[in-house]
N, C-alpha and C. Protein backbone atom coordinates (compact mmCIF):
# COMPACT_ATOMS: atom_id res chain seq x y z
N MET A 1 17.84 3.96 -47.52
CA MET A 1 18.24 4.54 -46.25
C MET A 1 17.17 3.59 -45.30
N ARG A 2 16.16 3.90 -45.90
CA ARG A 2 14.69 3.60 -45.02
C ARG A 2 14.78 1.61 -44.88
N THR A 3 15.15 0.98 -45.43
CA THR A 3 15.29 -0.48 -45.92
C THR A 3 16.46 -0.45 -44.15
N PHE A 4 17.33 0.18 -44.44
CA PHE A 4 18.51 -0.02 -43.19
C PHE A 4 18.22 0.24 -42.02
N LEU A 5 17.55 1.48 -42.01
CA LEU A 5 17.16 1.73 -40.52
C LEU A 5 15.49 0.55 -40.21
N LEU A 6 15.23 0.36 -40.84
CA LEU A 6 14.44 -0.74 -40.92
C LEU A 6 14.81 -2.13 -40.15
N ILE A 7 15.66 -2.67 -41.01
CA ILE A 7 16.57 -3.51 -40.71
C ILE A 7 17.27 -3.63 -39.23
N ALA A 8 17.89 -2.27 -39.01
CA ALA A 8 18.73 -2.33 -37.88
C ALA A 8 17.72 -2.15 -36.75
N THR A 9 16.71 -1.11 -36.99
CA THR A 9 15.49 -1.15 -35.67
C THR A 9 14.90 -2.85 -35.27
N THR A 10 14.71 -3.60 -36.33
CA THR A 10 14.39 -4.78 -36.20
C THR A 10 15.16 -5.73 -34.90
N ALA A 11 16.55 -5.62 -35.90
CA ALA A 11 17.37 -6.40 -35.27
C ALA A 11 17.72 -5.88 -33.86
N LEU A 12 17.60 -4.40 -33.62
CA LEU A 12 18.02 -4.07 -32.10
C LEU A 12 16.44 -4.53 -31.34
N GLY A 13 15.16 -5.05 -31.86
CA GLY A 13 14.60 -4.87 -31.15
C GLY A 13 14.92 -6.71 -30.72
N LEU A 14 15.19 -7.99 -32.12
CA LEU A 14 15.03 -8.90 -31.38
C LEU A 14 16.44 -9.04 -30.79
N TRP A 15 17.84 -7.98 -30.65
CA TRP A 15 18.73 -8.59 -29.35
C TRP A 15 18.01 -7.99 -28.25
N ALA A 16 17.34 -6.94 -27.84
CA ALA A 16 16.75 -6.25 -26.85
C ALA A 16 15.73 -7.00 -25.85
N GLY A 17 15.02 -7.88 -26.68
CA GLY A 17 14.07 -9.14 -26.24
C GLY A 17 15.21 -10.57 -26.13
N SER A 18 15.99 -10.56 -26.08
CA SER A 18 16.59 -12.10 -25.75
C SER A 18 17.16 -12.31 -25.03
N GLU A 19 17.03 -11.63 -24.03
CA GLU A 19 17.14 -11.97 -22.88
C GLU A 19 16.36 -12.85 -21.40
N PRO A 20 16.68 -13.26 -20.96
CA PRO A 20 15.70 -14.60 -20.45
C PRO A 20 14.77 -12.84 -19.12
N SER A 21 13.60 -13.04 -19.18
CA SER A 21 12.71 -12.09 -18.39
C SER A 21 13.34 -12.66 -16.63
N ARG A 22 13.15 -11.04 -15.92
CA ARG A 22 13.16 -11.48 -14.44
C ARG A 22 12.67 -11.23 -13.79
N ALA A 23 12.40 -12.07 -12.35
CA ALA A 23 11.31 -12.03 -11.59
C ALA A 23 11.14 -10.96 -11.01
N GLU A 24 10.11 -10.48 -10.71
CA GLU A 24 9.37 -8.92 -10.19
C GLU A 24 10.22 -8.84 -8.83
N ILE A 25 10.98 -8.31 -7.82
CA ILE A 25 11.38 -8.33 -6.03
C ILE A 25 10.59 -7.96 -5.65
N THR A 26 10.37 -9.03 -4.53
CA THR A 26 9.23 -8.82 -3.74
C THR A 26 10.42 -8.81 -2.25
N TYR A 27 10.36 -8.56 -1.04
CA TYR A 27 10.25 -8.69 0.23
C TYR A 27 9.73 -9.56 1.31
N PRO A 28 9.87 -10.13 2.13
CA PRO A 28 9.04 -10.80 3.13
C PRO A 28 8.49 -10.08 4.13
N TRP A 29 8.74 -8.85 4.12
CA TRP A 29 7.88 -8.19 5.52
C TRP A 29 7.13 -7.16 5.25
N CYS A 30 6.26 -6.91 5.50
CA CYS A 30 5.04 -5.57 5.51
C CYS A 30 5.25 -4.50 6.94
N ALA A 31 5.27 -3.42 6.93
CA ALA A 31 4.60 -2.65 7.53
C ALA A 31 3.38 -2.54 7.68
N GLN A 32 2.46 -2.55 8.54
CA GLN A 32 1.11 -1.95 8.19
C GLN A 32 0.91 -0.49 9.00
N TYR A 33 0.55 0.49 9.11
CA TYR A 33 0.63 1.66 9.85
C TYR A 33 -0.69 1.83 9.96
N ALA A 34 -0.67 2.22 11.05
CA ALA A 34 -2.21 3.00 12.21
C ALA A 34 -2.83 1.15 12.43
N GLY A 35 -4.35 1.47 12.31
CA GLY A 35 -4.85 0.35 12.23
C GLY A 35 -6.33 0.19 11.45
N ALA A 36 -7.47 -1.01 11.31
CA ALA A 36 -8.42 -0.83 10.87
C ALA A 36 -8.43 -0.63 9.70
N GLY A 37 -7.51 -0.90 8.36
CA GLY A 37 -7.58 -0.71 7.39
C GLY A 37 -7.42 0.89 6.99
N ILE A 38 -7.05 1.76 7.34
CA ILE A 38 -7.30 3.14 7.47
C ILE A 38 -5.89 3.31 7.20
N GLY A 39 -4.28 2.70 7.53
CA GLY A 39 -3.60 3.57 7.01
C GLY A 39 -2.58 2.77 5.83
N GLY A 40 -1.55 3.26 5.97
CA GLY A 40 -0.92 3.10 4.97
C GLY A 40 0.17 1.39 4.87
N ARG A 41 0.38 0.93 4.05
CA ARG A 41 1.34 -0.13 3.88
C ARG A 41 2.19 -0.16 2.82
N ASN A 42 3.56 -0.87 3.41
CA ASN A 42 4.51 -0.97 2.73
C ASN A 42 5.56 -1.72 3.15
N CYS A 43 5.40 -2.45 2.11
CA CYS A 43 5.81 -4.09 1.79
C CYS A 43 7.31 -4.36 1.42
N GLY A 44 8.59 -3.17 1.66
CA GLY A 44 9.91 -3.02 1.62
C GLY A 44 11.12 -3.68 2.49
N PHE A 45 11.00 -4.56 3.33
CA PHE A 45 11.40 -4.91 4.00
C PHE A 45 12.16 -6.34 3.93
N SER A 46 13.53 -6.55 4.20
CA SER A 46 14.31 -7.67 3.48
C SER A 46 14.40 -8.48 4.87
N THR A 47 14.32 -7.53 6.81
CA THR A 47 14.29 -8.48 7.64
C THR A 47 13.32 -7.84 8.59
N TYR A 48 13.05 -8.76 9.54
CA TYR A 48 11.92 -8.14 10.38
C TYR A 48 12.08 -7.06 11.35
N GLU A 49 13.65 -6.92 11.62
CA GLU A 49 14.34 -6.40 12.18
C GLU A 49 13.88 -4.46 11.71
N GLN A 50 14.40 -4.42 10.10
CA GLN A 50 13.93 -3.18 9.60
C GLN A 50 13.04 -2.88 9.53
N CYS A 51 11.93 -3.48 9.02
CA CYS A 51 10.19 -3.25 9.48
C CYS A 51 10.55 -2.94 11.02
N ARG A 52 10.46 -3.24 11.59
CA ARG A 52 10.21 -2.51 13.19
C ARG A 52 10.98 -1.71 13.50
N ALA A 53 11.78 -1.50 13.06
CA ALA A 53 12.18 0.12 13.24
C ALA A 53 11.70 0.97 12.87
N THR A 54 11.16 0.69 11.55
CA THR A 54 10.70 1.26 11.04
C THR A 54 8.42 2.29 11.75
N VAL A 55 8.72 0.94 11.88
CA VAL A 55 7.40 1.44 12.47
C VAL A 55 7.66 1.87 14.05
N SER A 56 8.97 1.63 14.90
CA SER A 56 9.05 2.13 16.08
C SER A 56 8.30 3.27 16.47
N GLY A 57 8.62 4.76 15.75
CA GLY A 57 7.72 5.87 16.09
C GLY A 57 7.23 6.10 15.45
N ALA A 58 6.73 5.85 14.19
CA ALA A 58 4.91 6.14 13.44
C ALA A 58 3.57 5.33 14.32
N GLY A 59 3.61 4.13 14.96
CA GLY A 59 2.48 2.98 15.19
C GLY A 59 2.49 2.01 14.10
N GLY A 60 1.90 1.20 14.22
CA GLY A 60 1.99 -0.40 13.63
C GLY A 60 2.45 -1.30 14.18
N TYR A 61 2.78 -2.04 13.09
CA TYR A 61 3.26 -3.50 13.65
C TYR A 61 3.50 -4.28 12.14
N CYS A 62 4.40 -4.79 12.01
CA CYS A 62 5.11 -6.17 11.39
C CYS A 62 4.36 -7.00 10.62
N GLU A 63 4.04 -7.60 9.37
CA GLU A 63 3.42 -8.60 9.16
C GLU A 63 4.28 -9.51 8.50
N VAL A 64 4.05 -10.71 7.86
CA VAL A 64 4.80 -11.27 6.57
C VAL A 64 3.91 -10.87 5.75
N ASN A 65 4.53 -10.67 4.71
CA ASN A 65 4.19 -10.17 3.04
C ASN A 65 3.45 -11.81 2.71
N PRO A 66 2.21 -11.06 2.45
CA PRO A 66 1.94 -12.50 1.87
C PRO A 66 2.08 -12.85 0.14
N MET A 67 2.42 -11.61 -0.97
CA MET A 67 2.84 -11.99 -1.83
C MET A 67 4.66 -12.09 -2.24
N TYR A 68 5.40 -12.41 -1.24
CA TYR A 68 6.24 -12.47 -0.81
C TYR A 68 6.91 -14.34 -2.27
N ARG A 69 8.02 -13.74 -3.31
CA ARG A 69 8.22 -15.50 -3.60
C ARG A 69 9.85 -15.04 -3.55
N PRO A 70 10.34 -16.24 -2.88
CA PRO A 70 11.57 -15.99 -2.51
C PRO A 70 12.31 -16.10 -4.20
N LEU A 71 13.43 -15.23 -4.75
CA LEU A 71 14.12 -15.78 -5.86
C LEU A 71 14.34 -16.90 -6.31
N SER A 72 14.24 -18.17 -7.72
CA SER A 72 14.69 -18.93 -7.58
C SER A 72 15.88 -18.79 -7.73
N GLU A 73 16.84 -19.67 -8.60
CA GLU A 73 18.46 -19.36 -8.66
C GLU A 73 18.16 -18.92 -10.27
N PRO A 74 19.47 -18.17 -10.07
CA PRO A 74 18.77 -17.76 -11.52
C PRO A 74 19.96 -19.09 -12.91
N TYR A 75 19.11 -18.04 -13.82
CA TYR A 75 19.28 -18.59 -15.38
C TYR A 75 20.48 -19.07 -15.76
N SER A 76 21.04 -20.36 -15.99
CA SER A 76 22.21 -20.44 -16.35
C SER A 76 22.12 -21.42 -18.13
N ALA A 77 22.76 -21.61 -18.56
CA ALA A 77 22.38 -21.94 -19.65
C ALA A 77 22.99 -23.67 -19.72
N PRO A 78 22.64 -24.11 -20.48
CA PRO A 78 23.37 -26.11 -20.05
C PRO A 78 25.02 -25.73 -20.86
N HIS A 79 25.93 -25.83 -20.13
CA HIS A 79 27.28 -26.28 -21.03
C HIS A 79 27.14 -27.70 -21.86
N LYS A 80 28.41 -27.03 -22.76
CA LYS A 80 28.12 -27.98 -24.03
C LYS A 80 29.72 -28.39 -23.62
N PRO A 81 29.64 -29.71 -23.17
CA PRO A 81 30.88 -30.67 -22.60
C PRO A 81 32.03 -30.50 -23.86
N ARG A 82 33.19 -29.91 -23.10
CA ARG A 82 34.68 -29.51 -24.06
C ARG A 82 34.71 -31.43 -24.58
N ARG A 83 35.78 -31.12 -25.71
CA ARG A 83 36.06 -32.28 -26.70
C ARG A 83 37.39 -32.50 -26.44
């Protein structure tokens, strides 16, 4: 029974780790609240308009996220030609 459990656990671990890794999602706009480095920062906005709407009542400004990296095309395995 222990041997079966060990084999099953190993197989599950190999199967679970076989997918290609996914990039961390970042967003292009950051809201900087308050000023002089004493406020908060939220870099979770897809558009400038979303960011502006968020800071409009709270005070602050929007800026480009320096850590933003656009996602590349999704991975696709090469196709084998049909015969």
